[in-house]
C-alpha atoms as a PDB file:
ATOM      1  CA  UNK A   1      39.748  75.985  56.636  1.00  0.00           C
ATOM      2  CA  UNK A   2      38.438  73.532  54.025  1.00  0.00           C
ATOM      3  CA  UNK A   3      40.092  70.096  53.791  1.00  0.00           C
ATOM      4  CA  UNK A   4      38.729  69.548  50.165  1.00  0.00           C
ATOM      5  CA  UNK A   5      41.524  68.657  47.753  1.00  0.00           C
ATOM      6  CA  UNK A   6      41.541  70.717  44.763  1.00  0.00           C
ATOM      7  CA  UNK A   7      43.011  69.427  41.381  1.00  0.00           C
ATOM      8  CA  UNK A   8      44.298  72.110  39.021  1.00  0.00           C
ATOM      9  CA  UNK A   9      45.642  70.119  36.293  1.00  0.00           C
ATOM     10  CA  UNK A  10      44.235  67.221  34.364  1.00  0.00           C
ATOM     11  CA  UNK A  11      45.498  64.885  31.670  1.00  0.00           C
ATOM     12  CA  UNK A  12      43.137  64.518  28.835  1.00  0.00           C
ATOM     13  CA  UNK A  13      42.493  61.255  26.986  1.00  0.00           C
ATOM     14  CA  UNK A  14      45.027  62.151  24.210  1.00  0.00           C
ATOM     15  CA  UNK A  15      47.775  62.406  26.700  1.00  0.00           C
ATOM     16  CA  UNK A  16      47.971  66.236  26.791  1.00  0.00           C
ATOM     17  CA  UNK A  17      47.767  68.176  30.140  1.00  0.00           C
ATOM     18  CA  UNK A  18      45.212  71.064  30.579  1.00  0.00           C
ATOM     19  CA  UNK A  19      44.293  73.289  33.435  1.00  0.00           C
ATOM     20  CA  UNK A  20      41.049  72.140  34.887  1.00  0.00           C
ATOM     21  CA  UNK A  21      38.096  73.633  33.569  1.00  0.00           C
ATOM     22  CA  UNK A  22      39.561  75.569  30.727  1.00  0.00           C
ATOM     23  CA  UNK A  23      41.368  74.836  27.433  1.00  0.00           C
ATOM     24  CA  UNK A  24      44.648  76.379  28.563  1.00  0.00           C
ATOM     25  CA  UNK A  25      47.478  73.781  28.311  1.00  0.00           C
ATOM     26  CA  UNK A  26      49.861  73.292  31.164  1.00  0.00           C
ATOM     27  CA  UNK A  27      52.543  73.757  28.488  1.00  0.00           C
ATOM     28  CA  UNK A  28      51.594  77.508  28.099  1.00  0.00           C
ATOM     29  CA  UNK A  29      51.652  78.155  31.810  1.00  0.00           C
ATOM     30  CA  UNK A  30      55.023  76.307  32.276  1.00  0.00           C
ATOM     31  CA  UNK A  31      56.664  78.107  29.391  1.00  0.00           C
ATOM     32  CA  UNK A  32      55.517  81.328  30.737  1.00  0.00           C
ATOM     33  CA  UNK A  33      56.888  80.440  34.211  1.00  0.00           C
ATOM     34  CA  UNK A  34      60.212  79.480  32.469  1.00  0.00           C
ATOM     35  CA  UNK A  35      60.107  82.896  31.028  1.00  0.00           C
ATOM     36  CA  UNK A  36      60.167  84.468  34.391  1.00  0.00           C
ATOM     37  CA  UNK A  37      56.632  85.674  34.430  1.00  0.00           C
ATOM     38  CA  UNK A  38      54.845  85.872  37.747  1.00  0.00           C
ATOM     39  CA  UNK A  39      51.342  84.050  38.156  1.00  0.00           C
ATOM     40  CA  UNK A  40      49.551  87.422  37.974  1.00  0.00           C
ATOM     41  CA  UNK A  41      51.401  88.156  34.617  1.00  0.00           C
ATOM     42  CA  UNK A  42      50.426  84.841  33.505  1.00  0.00           C
ATOM     43  CA  UNK A  43      46.820  85.527  34.432  1.00  0.00           C
ATOM     44  CA  UNK A  44      46.791  88.713  32.290  1.00  0.00           C
ATOM     45  CA  UNK A  45      47.908  86.502  29.344  1.00  0.00           C
ATOM     46  CA  UNK A  46      45.137  83.824  30.164  1.00  0.00           C
ATOM     47  CA  UNK A  47      42.212  85.668  31.293  1.00  0.00           C
ATOM     48  CA  UNK A  48      40.235  82.708  31.771  1.00  0.00           C
ATOM     49  CA  UNK A  49      42.464  81.529  34.573  1.00  0.00           C
ATOM     50  CA  UNK A  50      42.461  82.914  38.059  1.00  0.00           C
ATOM     51  CA  UNK A  51      45.663  83.099  40.047  1.00  0.00           C
ATOM     52  CA  UNK A  52      44.659  80.107  42.383  1.00  0.00           C
ATOM     53  CA  UNK A  53      44.667  77.824  39.276  1.00  0.00           C
ATOM     54  CA  UNK A  54      47.948  79.278  37.908  1.00  0.00           C
ATOM     55  CA  UNK A  55      49.794  78.780  41.235  1.00  0.00           C
ATOM     56  CA  UNK A  56      48.203  75.336  41.547  1.00  0.00           C
ATOM     57  CA  UNK A  57      49.377  74.516  37.877  1.00  0.00           C
ATOM     58  CA  UNK A  58      52.934  75.741  38.631  1.00  0.00           C
ATOM     59  CA  UNK A  59      52.967  73.632  42.192  1.00  0.00           C
ATOM     60  CA  UNK A  60      51.833  70.683  40.085  1.00  0.00           C
ATOM     61  CA  UNK A  61      54.690  71.071  37.565  1.00  0.00           C
ATOM     62  CA  UNK A  62      57.370  71.374  40.451  1.00  0.00           C
ATOM     63  CA  UNK A  63      56.013  68.430  42.141  1.00  0.00           C
ATOM     64  CA  UNK A  64      55.978  66.405  38.897  1.00  0.00           C
ATOM     65  CA  UNK A  65      58.866  68.218  37.277  1.00  0.00           C
ATOM     66  CA  UNK A  66      60.672  65.246  35.823  1.00  0.00           C
ATOM     67  CA  UNK A  67      57.405  63.889  34.183  1.00  0.00           C
ATOM     68  CA  UNK A  68      56.343  66.984  32.771  1.00  0.00           C
ATOM     69  CA  UNK A  69      59.857  67.832  31.612  1.00  0.00           C
ATOM     70  CA  UNK A  70      59.849  64.648  29.885  1.00  0.00           C
ATOM     71  CA  UNK A  71      56.330  65.282  28.245  1.00  0.00           C
ATOM     72  CA  UNK A  72      57.425  68.867  27.229  1.00  0.00           C
ATOM     73  CA  UNK A  73      60.224  67.279  25.440  1.00  0.00           C
ATOM     74  CA  UNK A  74      58.274  64.828  23.667  1.00  0.00           C
ATOM     75  CA  UNK A  75      55.753  67.484  22.585  1.00  0.00           C
ATOM     76  CA  UNK A  76      58.590  69.484  21.281  1.00  0.00           C
ATOM     77  CA  UNK A  77      59.785  66.676  19.243  1.00  0.00           C
ATOM     78  CA  UNK A  78      56.583  65.880  17.713  1.00  0.00           C
ATOM     79  CA  UNK A  79      56.066  69.465  16.812  1.00  0.00           C
ATOM     80  CA  UNK A  80      59.398  69.459  15.034  1.00  0.00           C
ATOM     81  CA  UNK A  81      58.592  66.229  13.323  1.00  0.00           C
ATOM     82  CA  UNK A  82      55.239  67.987  12.250  1.00  0.00           C
ATOM     83  CA  UNK A  83      56.847  70.883  10.911  1.00  0.00           C
ATOM     84  CA  UNK A  84      59.496  68.827   8.940  1.00  0.00           C
ATOM     85  CA  UNK A  85      56.543  66.856   7.472  1.00  0.00           C
ATOM     86  CA  UNK A  86      54.556  69.956   6.520  1.00  0.00           C
ATOM     87  CA  UNK A  87      57.430  71.493   4.811  1.00  0.00           C
ATOM     88  CA  UNK A  88      58.138  68.258   2.688  1.00  0.00           C
ATOM     89  CA  UNK A  89      54.569  67.973   1.787  1.00  0.00           C
ATOM     90  CA  UNK A  90      53.801  71.615   1.224  1.00  0.00           C
ATOM     91  CA  UNK A  91      57.155  73.111   0.427  1.00  0.00           C
ATOM     92  CA  UNK A  92      56.296  74.573  -2.913  1.00  0.00           C
ATOM     93  CA  UNK A  93      52.998  76.159  -1.638  1.00  0.00           C
ATOM     94  CA  UNK A  94      54.767  77.549   1.509  1.00  0.00           C
ATOM     95  CA  UNK A  95      57.328  79.151  -0.746  1.00  0.00           C
ATOM     96  CA  UNK A  96      54.998  80.619  -2.884  1.00  0.00           C
ATOM     97  CA  UNK A  97      53.215  82.094   0.169  1.00  0.00           C
ATOM     98  CA  UNK A  98      56.365  83.228   1.606  1.00  0.00           C
ATOM     99  CA  UNK A  99      57.383  84.979  -1.695  1.00  0.00           C
ATOM    100  CA  UNK A 100      54.015  86.588  -1.988  1.00  0.00           C
ATOM    101  CA  UNK A 101      54.587  88.270   1.683  1.00  0.00           C
ATOM    102  CA  UNK A 102      58.009  89.301   1.000  1.00  0.00           C
ATOM    103  CA  UNK A 103      58.758  93.035   0.216  1.00  0.00           C
ATOM    104  CA  UNK A 104      59.134  93.719  -3.616  1.00  0.00           C
ATOM    105  CA  UNK A 105      62.481  95.253  -4.837  1.00  0.00           C
ATOM    106  CA  UNK A 106      62.069  99.064  -4.949  1.00  0.00           C
ATOM    107  CA  UNK A 107      59.146  99.139  -2.550  1.00  0.00           C
ATOM    108  CA  UNK A 108      59.268 101.117   0.742  1.00  0.00           C
ATOM    109  CA  UNK A 109      58.151  98.949   3.555  1.00  0.00           C
ATOM    110  CA  UNK A 110      58.598 101.764   6.240  1.00  0.00           C
ATOM    111  CA  UNK A 111      55.640 103.333   7.751  1.00  0.00           C
END
């Protein structure tokens, strides 16, 4: 049996958390875990990750639950602020895009 410790999660220089040797965020794995997905189901969503790294990421989350929950709350607040800022700054453009995608009166949208 190997005594080498393996790290499955690392914090980047900008403060975000990633699964080691991937571009997959810890956020993605944790949200899938919260949704009740098994590590094997998560691996199907993120084929660049093997089950070992997913189990390791979940174990990391559980061991550091308070810290990661705080981080995820902060990320959520930042995302909401970005959405509000974008809506304020680009509202008229977004309204035109939404209107162009909306079904026109009198058109059938069924397949």
